[in-house]
Amino acid sequence: MRETVSPSQSAPAAPAPAARAGNWRVAALVAGDLVSFLVFAAAGRRSHSEAAGLDAAGQIARTALPFVLGWFLVSPFLGAFRRNKTSTPARMLARTELAWLAAWPVTLLLRWALADDHQVPLSFAAVILLANAVFLGLWRTAFALLARRRT
């Protein structure tokens, strides 16, 4: 017995090339952002003489968690992953810094909530603001430069 398939029951169409390129771009930005926060957390742990090598990957991830959560809760709403807002290195840097400035208070609140000591000293808040602005800014500007060459 042969079964007929109506157009409404057919398999979904494959994503258009532009959509695939956009998905790849977002995935690369997410991965790079994660690495940026992990590097920040490892550097911070090392500067405080805490375990920061590969054997401490779980501790590093736990240290980075409030910054990762805050960033990914806020930055998409400010266009940090939209091609039209991050298409050139200058636009990428400006959008990244704006998104980080908006995410920063959220990360401080999450750091306070998730930390064992429930403290966020002012000096630490300033380090979080500046260091992550530099790490994210450098990584994402480099990404924009490379992506621009690719197209």
N, C-alpha and C. Protein backbone atom coordinates (compact mmCIF):
# COMPACT_ATOMS: atom_id res chain seq x y z
N MET A 1 0.83 -1.17 0.00
CA MET A 1 0.00 0.00 0.00
C MET A 1 0.88 1.24 0.00
N ARG A 2 0.64 2.13 -0.94
CA ARG A 2 1.45 3.33 -1.06
C ARG A 2 0.81 4.46 -0.29
N GLU A 3 1.63 5.13 0.50
CA GLU A 3 1.14 6.24 1.32
C GLU A 3 1.43 7.54 0.60
N THR A 4 0.46 8.41 0.55
CA THR A 4 0.69 9.71 -0.06
C THR A 4 0.99 10.72 1.04
N VAL A 5 1.84 11.65 0.71
CA VAL A 5 2.25 12.68 1.67
C VAL A 5 1.81 14.02 1.12
N SER A 6 1.07 14.73 1.90
CA SER A 6 0.64 16.06 1.48
C SER A 6 1.79 17.04 1.72
N PRO A 7 1.78 18.19 1.05
CA PRO A 7 2.85 19.18 1.24
C PRO A 7 2.98 19.61 2.70
N SER A 8 1.90 19.64 3.44
CA SER A 8 1.98 20.07 4.85
C SER A 8 2.64 19.02 5.72
N GLN A 9 2.76 17.76 5.22
CA GLN A 9 3.38 16.69 6.00
C GLN A 9 4.81 16.40 5.55
N SER A 10 5.30 17.13 4.58
CA SER A 10 6.64 16.85 4.07
C SER A 10 7.70 17.26 5.09
N ALA A 11 8.89 16.74 4.90
CA ALA A 11 10.01 17.03 5.80
C ALA A 11 10.32 18.52 5.77
N PRO A 12 10.77 19.07 6.89
CA PRO A 12 11.11 20.50 6.91
C PRO A 12 12.28 20.78 5.97
N ALA A 13 12.24 21.94 5.38
CA ALA A 13 13.30 22.33 4.46
C ALA A 13 14.58 22.61 5.24
N ALA A 14 15.70 22.37 4.59
CA ALA A 14 16.99 22.66 5.21
C ALA A 14 17.13 24.18 5.37
N PRO A 15 17.83 24.61 6.40
CA PRO A 15 18.00 26.06 6.58
C PRO A 15 18.74 26.67 5.39
N ALA A 16 18.40 27.88 5.07
CA ALA A 16 19.06 28.59 3.99
C ALA A 16 20.53 28.82 4.35
N PRO A 17 21.41 28.98 3.35
CA PRO A 17 22.84 29.20 3.63
C PRO A 17 23.08 30.36 4.59
N ALA A 18 22.35 31.44 4.46
CA ALA A 18 22.53 32.59 5.36
C ALA A 18 22.19 32.22 6.80
N ALA A 19 21.16 31.40 6.98
CA ALA A 19 20.78 30.97 8.33
C ALA A 19 21.86 30.08 8.93
N ARG A 20 22.41 29.17 8.09
CA ARG A 20 23.50 28.30 8.59
C ARG A 20 24.71 29.14 8.96
N ALA A 21 25.04 30.14 8.15
CA ALA A 21 26.18 31.01 8.45
C ALA A 21 25.91 31.78 9.73
N GLY A 22 24.69 32.24 9.92
CA GLY A 22 24.33 32.95 11.15
C GLY A 22 24.40 32.06 12.37
N ASN A 23 23.96 30.80 12.21
CA ASN A 23 24.04 29.84 13.32
C ASN A 23 25.49 29.56 13.70
N TRP A 24 26.34 29.39 12.70
CA TRP A 24 27.76 29.16 12.95
C TRP A 24 28.37 30.36 13.67
N ARG A 25 28.02 31.54 13.24
CA ARG A 25 28.56 32.77 13.82
C ARG A 25 28.16 32.89 15.28
N VAL A 26 26.91 32.66 15.59
CA VAL A 26 26.43 32.73 16.97
C VAL A 26 27.11 31.66 17.82
N ALA A 27 27.20 30.45 17.30
CA ALA A 27 27.85 29.37 18.05
C ALA A 27 29.31 29.72 18.34
N ALA A 28 30.00 30.29 17.38
CA ALA A 28 31.40 30.68 17.58
C ALA A 28 31.51 31.79 18.62
N LEU A 29 30.61 32.75 18.57
CA LEU A 29 30.62 33.83 19.57
C LEU A 29 30.35 33.28 20.97
N VAL A 30 29.38 32.40 21.09
CA VAL A 30 29.06 31.80 22.40
C VAL A 30 30.27 31.04 22.93
N ALA A 31 30.88 30.22 22.09
CA ALA A 31 32.05 29.43 22.52
C ALA A 31 33.19 30.35 22.94
N GLY A 32 33.46 31.37 22.15
CA GLY A 32 34.53 32.31 22.49
C GLY A 32 34.25 33.07 23.77
N ASP A 33 33.00 33.46 23.96
CA ASP A 33 32.62 34.16 25.20
C ASP A 33 32.85 33.25 26.40
N LEU A 34 32.45 32.00 26.28
CA LEU A 34 32.68 31.03 27.37
C LEU A 34 34.16 30.91 27.70
N VAL A 35 34.98 30.79 26.67
CA VAL A 35 36.43 30.69 26.88
C VAL A 35 36.94 31.97 27.55
N SER A 36 36.45 33.11 27.12
CA SER A 36 36.87 34.38 27.71
C SER A 36 36.60 34.41 29.22
N PHE A 37 35.41 33.99 29.62
CA PHE A 37 35.08 33.98 31.05
C PHE A 37 35.88 32.93 31.81
N LEU A 38 36.16 31.80 31.17
CA LEU A 38 36.98 30.77 31.82
C LEU A 38 38.41 31.26 32.00
N VAL A 39 38.95 31.97 31.02
CA VAL A 39 40.30 32.54 31.14
C VAL A 39 40.32 33.57 32.27
N PHE A 40 39.31 34.41 32.32
CA PHE A 40 39.20 35.39 33.41
C PHE A 40 39.18 34.70 34.76
N ALA A 41 38.37 33.67 34.89
CA ALA A 41 38.25 32.96 36.17
C ALA A 41 39.57 32.27 36.53
N ALA A 42 40.21 31.65 35.56
CA ALA A 42 41.49 30.98 35.83
C ALA A 42 42.55 32.00 36.24
N ALA A 43 42.61 33.12 35.54
CA ALA A 43 43.58 34.16 35.89
C ALA A 43 43.32 34.71 37.29
N GLY A 44 42.06 34.92 37.61
CA GLY A 44 41.71 35.40 38.95
C GLY A 44 42.07 34.40 40.03
N ARG A 45 41.78 33.15 39.79
CA ARG A 45 42.11 32.11 40.77
C ARG A 45 43.62 32.02 40.94
N ARG A 46 44.35 32.09 39.85
CA ARG A 46 45.81 32.01 39.92
C ARG A 46 46.37 33.21 40.69
N SER A 47 45.81 34.40 40.47
CA SER A 47 46.31 35.59 41.16
C SER A 47 46.06 35.53 42.67
N HIS A 48 45.12 34.68 43.08
CA HIS A 48 44.83 34.48 44.51
C HIS A 48 45.42 33.17 45.02
N SER A 49 46.36 32.63 44.26
CA SER A 49 47.04 31.38 44.63
C SER A 49 46.08 30.22 44.85
N GLU A 50 45.01 30.18 44.06
CA GLU A 50 44.07 29.07 44.10
C GLU A 50 44.32 28.18 42.90
N ALA A 51 43.86 26.96 42.95
CA ALA A 51 44.04 26.03 41.85
C ALA A 51 43.45 26.62 40.57
N ALA A 52 44.25 26.56 39.49
CA ALA A 52 43.79 27.17 38.24
C ALA A 52 44.20 26.37 37.01
N GLY A 53 44.76 25.20 37.18
CA GLY A 53 45.16 24.39 36.03
C GLY A 53 44.02 23.53 35.53
N LEU A 54 44.34 22.66 34.58
CA LEU A 54 43.32 21.77 34.02
C LEU A 54 42.70 20.87 35.08
N ASP A 55 43.49 20.52 36.10
CA ASP A 55 42.96 19.67 37.16
C ASP A 55 41.92 20.41 38.02
N ALA A 56 41.83 21.72 37.85
CA ALA A 56 40.86 22.52 38.59
C ALA A 56 39.75 23.05 37.68
N ALA A 57 39.51 22.37 36.57
CA ALA A 57 38.54 22.85 35.58
C ALA A 57 37.15 23.06 36.19
N GLY A 58 36.73 22.17 37.06
CA GLY A 58 35.42 22.32 37.70
C GLY A 58 35.36 23.55 38.59
N GLN A 59 36.43 23.81 39.32
CA GLN A 59 36.48 24.99 40.19
C GLN A 59 36.51 26.27 39.36
N ILE A 60 37.24 26.24 38.26
CA ILE A 60 37.30 27.40 37.37
C ILE A 60 35.91 27.67 36.79
N ALA A 61 35.24 26.61 36.35
CA ALA A 61 33.88 26.77 35.79
C ALA A 61 32.93 27.33 36.83
N ARG A 62 33.04 26.87 38.07
CA ARG A 62 32.17 27.39 39.14
C ARG A 62 32.46 28.86 39.40
N THR A 63 33.73 29.25 39.34
CA THR A 63 34.10 30.65 39.52
C THR A 63 33.54 31.50 38.38
N ALA A 64 33.58 30.98 37.16
CA ALA A 64 33.11 31.72 36.00
C ALA A 64 31.59 31.78 35.88
N LEU A 65 30.89 30.86 36.54
CA LEU A 65 29.44 30.70 36.36
C LEU A 65 28.63 31.99 36.50
N PRO A 66 28.81 32.80 37.53
CA PRO A 66 27.96 34.00 37.62
C PRO A 66 28.19 34.99 36.47
N PHE A 67 29.41 35.03 35.96
CA PHE A 67 29.71 35.95 34.86
C PHE A 67 29.12 35.43 33.55
N VAL A 68 29.22 34.13 33.35
CA VAL A 68 28.63 33.51 32.16
C VAL A 68 27.12 33.69 32.17
N LEU A 69 26.49 33.37 33.30
CA LEU A 69 25.03 33.50 33.39
C LEU A 69 24.58 34.95 33.18
N GLY A 70 25.23 35.88 33.84
CA GLY A 70 24.86 37.29 33.69
C GLY A 70 25.00 37.77 32.27
N TRP A 71 26.11 37.39 31.63
CA TRP A 71 26.35 37.79 30.24
C TRP A 71 25.29 37.23 29.31
N PHE A 72 25.01 35.94 29.42
CA PHE A 72 24.06 35.33 28.49
C PHE A 72 22.60 35.66 28.82
N LEU A 73 22.33 36.14 30.02
CA LEU A 73 20.98 36.61 30.35
C LEU A 73 20.72 37.99 29.77
N VAL A 74 21.74 38.81 29.66
CA VAL A 74 21.56 40.21 29.27
C VAL A 74 22.00 40.50 27.83
N SER A 75 23.17 40.03 27.44
CA SER A 75 23.76 40.45 26.17
C SER A 75 22.92 40.17 24.92
N PRO A 76 22.19 39.05 24.84
CA PRO A 76 21.38 38.86 23.63
C PRO A 76 20.33 39.95 23.43
N PHE A 77 19.80 40.48 24.52
CA PHE A 77 18.77 41.52 24.41
C PHE A 77 19.34 42.86 23.97
N LEU A 78 20.66 42.99 24.05
CA LEU A 78 21.30 44.24 23.62
C LEU A 78 21.99 44.08 22.27
N GLY A 79 21.73 42.98 21.59
CA GLY A 79 22.23 42.80 20.23
C GLY A 79 23.66 42.31 20.12
N ALA A 80 24.22 41.74 21.17
CA ALA A 80 25.62 41.30 21.15
C ALA A 80 25.87 40.13 20.19
N PHE A 81 24.81 39.50 19.71
CA PHE A 81 24.96 38.37 18.78
C PHE A 81 24.35 38.67 17.42
N ARG A 82 23.82 39.87 17.23
CA ARG A 82 23.18 40.22 15.97
C ARG A 82 24.22 40.73 14.98
N ARG A 83 24.21 40.14 13.81
CA ARG A 83 25.19 40.53 12.78
C ARG A 83 25.08 42.02 12.44
N ASN A 84 23.87 42.54 12.34
CA ASN A 84 23.72 43.94 11.94
C ASN A 84 24.23 44.91 13.00
N LYS A 85 24.42 44.45 14.22
CA LYS A 85 24.94 45.33 15.28
C LYS A 85 26.41 45.05 15.59
N THR A 86 26.97 43.99 14.99
CA THR A 86 28.35 43.60 15.29
C THR A 86 29.12 43.28 14.01
N SER A 87 28.76 43.92 12.90
CA SER A 87 29.30 43.54 11.59
C SER A 87 30.72 44.03 11.34
N THR A 88 31.16 45.06 12.00
CA THR A 88 32.53 45.57 11.83
C THR A 88 33.24 45.50 13.18
N PRO A 89 34.55 45.53 13.18
CA PRO A 89 35.26 45.51 14.47
C PRO A 89 34.84 46.64 15.41
N ALA A 90 34.65 47.83 14.88
CA ALA A 90 34.25 48.95 15.73
C ALA A 90 32.85 48.74 16.31
N ARG A 91 31.94 48.27 15.48
CA ARG A 91 30.58 48.00 15.97
C ARG A 91 30.56 46.86 16.97
N MET A 92 31.37 45.83 16.70
CA MET A 92 31.46 44.70 17.62
C MET A 92 31.98 45.17 18.97
N LEU A 93 33.03 45.96 18.97
CA LEU A 93 33.60 46.43 20.23
C LEU A 93 32.60 47.30 20.99
N ALA A 94 31.97 48.23 20.30
CA ALA A 94 30.99 49.11 20.96
C ALA A 94 29.82 48.31 21.53
N ARG A 95 29.29 47.37 20.75
CA ARG A 95 28.14 46.58 21.21
C ARG A 95 28.55 45.65 22.36
N THR A 96 29.74 45.09 22.28
CA THR A 96 30.23 44.20 23.34
C THR A 96 30.37 44.97 24.65
N GLU A 97 30.98 46.14 24.58
CA GLU A 97 31.20 46.92 25.81
C GLU A 97 29.87 47.42 26.40
N LEU A 98 28.95 47.81 25.54
CA LEU A 98 27.63 48.22 26.03
C LEU A 98 26.92 47.04 26.70
N ALA A 99 26.96 45.88 26.06
CA ALA A 99 26.30 44.69 26.62
C ALA A 99 26.98 44.28 27.93
N TRP A 100 28.32 44.35 27.98
CA TRP A 100 29.01 43.97 29.22
C TRP A 100 28.68 44.95 30.34
N LEU A 101 28.62 46.23 30.03
CA LEU A 101 28.27 47.23 31.05
C LEU A 101 26.88 46.97 31.62
N ALA A 102 25.96 46.56 30.78
CA ALA A 102 24.60 46.24 31.23
C ALA A 102 24.56 44.90 31.98
N ALA A 103 25.38 43.95 31.58
CA ALA A 103 25.39 42.64 32.24
C ALA A 103 26.14 42.66 33.56
N TRP A 104 27.08 43.58 33.71
CA TRP A 104 27.93 43.63 34.89
C TRP A 104 27.17 43.64 36.21
N PRO A 105 26.16 44.51 36.40
CA PRO A 105 25.43 44.46 37.68
C PRO A 105 24.74 43.12 37.92
N VAL A 106 24.27 42.50 36.86
CA VAL A 106 23.63 41.19 37.00
C VAL A 106 24.67 40.15 37.44
N THR A 107 25.87 40.23 36.87
CA THR A 107 26.92 39.29 37.26
C THR A 107 27.32 39.51 38.71
N LEU A 108 27.34 40.77 39.16
CA LEU A 108 27.67 41.04 40.57
C LEU A 108 26.62 40.44 41.50
N LEU A 109 25.38 40.59 41.14
CA LEU A 109 24.30 40.02 41.95
C LEU A 109 24.39 38.49 41.98
N LEU A 110 24.64 37.90 40.82
CA LEU A 110 24.79 36.45 40.76
C LEU A 110 26.03 35.98 41.52
N ARG A 111 27.11 36.73 41.41
CA ARG A 111 28.33 36.38 42.16
C ARG A 111 28.04 36.41 43.66
N TRP A 112 27.34 37.45 44.09
CA TRP A 112 26.97 37.55 45.50
C TRP A 112 26.11 36.35 45.92
N ALA A 113 25.14 36.00 45.11
CA ALA A 113 24.21 34.91 45.44
C ALA A 113 24.88 33.55 45.42
N LEU A 114 25.81 33.33 44.50
CA LEU A 114 26.42 32.02 44.33
C LEU A 114 27.70 31.82 45.15
N ALA A 115 28.31 32.89 45.60
CA ALA A 115 29.57 32.76 46.35
C ALA A 115 29.30 32.27 47.76
N ASP A 116 30.22 31.47 48.26
CA ASP A 116 30.08 30.95 49.62
C ASP A 116 30.07 32.06 50.66
N ASP A 117 30.86 33.12 50.44
CA ASP A 117 30.96 34.20 51.43
C ASP A 117 29.92 35.30 51.22
N HIS A 118 29.18 35.27 50.12
CA HIS A 118 28.16 36.28 49.79
C HIS A 118 28.72 37.70 49.90
N GLN A 119 29.92 37.89 49.37
CA GLN A 119 30.54 39.21 49.37
C GLN A 119 31.04 39.55 47.98
N VAL A 120 30.93 40.82 47.64
CA VAL A 120 31.51 41.32 46.40
C VAL A 120 32.14 42.67 46.74
N PRO A 121 33.40 42.66 47.17
CA PRO A 121 34.06 43.91 47.51
C PRO A 121 34.11 44.86 46.31
N LEU A 122 34.11 46.15 46.59
CA LEU A 122 34.12 47.17 45.54
C LEU A 122 35.32 46.99 44.61
N SER A 123 36.49 46.68 45.18
CA SER A 123 37.68 46.49 44.34
C SER A 123 37.48 45.30 43.39
N PHE A 124 36.85 44.24 43.87
CA PHE A 124 36.59 43.07 43.03
C PHE A 124 35.57 43.42 41.95
N ALA A 125 34.57 44.20 42.29
CA ALA A 125 33.58 44.63 41.29
C ALA A 125 34.25 45.42 40.18
N ALA A 126 35.20 46.28 40.53
CA ALA A 126 35.93 47.06 39.52
C ALA A 126 36.78 46.16 38.64
N VAL A 127 37.45 45.17 39.25
CA VAL A 127 38.26 44.23 38.48
C VAL A 127 37.38 43.44 37.51
N ILE A 128 36.23 42.99 37.99
CA ILE A 128 35.29 42.26 37.14
C ILE A 128 34.89 43.11 35.93
N LEU A 129 34.55 44.35 36.20
CA LEU A 129 34.12 45.25 35.12
C LEU A 129 35.22 45.43 34.09
N LEU A 130 36.41 45.80 34.55
CA LEU A 130 37.49 46.13 33.62
C LEU A 130 38.09 44.90 32.94
N ALA A 131 38.37 43.87 33.70
CA ALA A 131 39.01 42.69 33.11
C ALA A 131 38.12 42.03 32.07
N ASN A 132 36.86 41.86 32.37
CA ASN A 132 35.97 41.22 31.39
C ASN A 132 35.70 42.13 30.20
N ALA A 133 35.70 43.44 30.41
CA ALA A 133 35.56 44.37 29.28
C ALA A 133 36.74 44.18 28.33
N VAL A 134 37.94 44.02 28.89
CA VAL A 134 39.13 43.81 28.06
C VAL A 134 39.08 42.44 27.39
N PHE A 135 38.85 41.37 28.16
CA PHE A 135 38.84 40.02 27.58
C PHE A 135 37.78 39.88 26.49
N LEU A 136 36.55 40.28 26.80
CA LEU A 136 35.48 40.18 25.81
C LEU A 136 35.74 41.09 24.61
N GLY A 137 36.19 42.31 24.90
CA GLY A 137 36.45 43.27 23.82
C GLY A 137 37.53 42.79 22.86
N LEU A 138 38.63 42.29 23.40
CA LEU A 138 39.71 41.79 22.55
C LEU A 138 39.27 40.59 21.72
N TRP A 139 38.65 39.62 22.38
CA TRP A 139 38.24 38.40 21.68
C TRP A 139 37.22 38.72 20.59
N ARG A 140 36.22 39.50 20.93
CA ARG A 140 35.14 39.74 19.97
C ARG A 140 35.58 40.67 18.84
N THR A 141 36.48 41.60 19.10
CA THR A 141 37.01 42.45 18.03
C THR A 141 37.85 41.60 17.07
N ALA A 142 38.67 40.71 17.63
CA ALA A 142 39.45 39.81 16.78
C ALA A 142 38.52 38.94 15.93
N PHE A 143 37.44 38.45 16.54
CA PHE A 143 36.47 37.66 15.79
C PHE A 143 35.89 38.47 14.64
N ALA A 144 35.51 39.72 14.91
CA ALA A 144 34.93 40.56 13.86
C ALA A 144 35.92 40.81 12.73
N LEU A 145 37.19 40.99 13.08
CA LEU A 145 38.22 41.17 12.04
C LEU A 145 38.33 39.92 11.16
N LEU A 146 38.37 38.76 11.80
CA LEU A 146 38.48 37.51 11.04
C LEU A 146 37.22 37.23 10.23
N ALA A 147 36.07 37.48 10.80
CA ALA A 147 34.80 37.25 10.09
C ALA A 147 34.69 38.18 8.90
N ARG A 148 35.18 39.38 9.03
CA ARG A 148 35.14 40.35 7.92
C ARG A 148 35.99 39.90 6.76
N ARG A 149 37.15 39.33 7.07
CA ARG A 149 38.03 38.81 6.03
C ARG A 149 37.42 37.61 5.32
N ARG A 150 36.65 36.84 6.07
CA ARG A 150 36.06 35.60 5.56
C ARG A 150 34.96 35.87 4.54
N THR A 151 34.30 37.02 4.65
CA THR A 151 33.18 37.30 3.74
C THR A 151 33.59 38.14 2.57
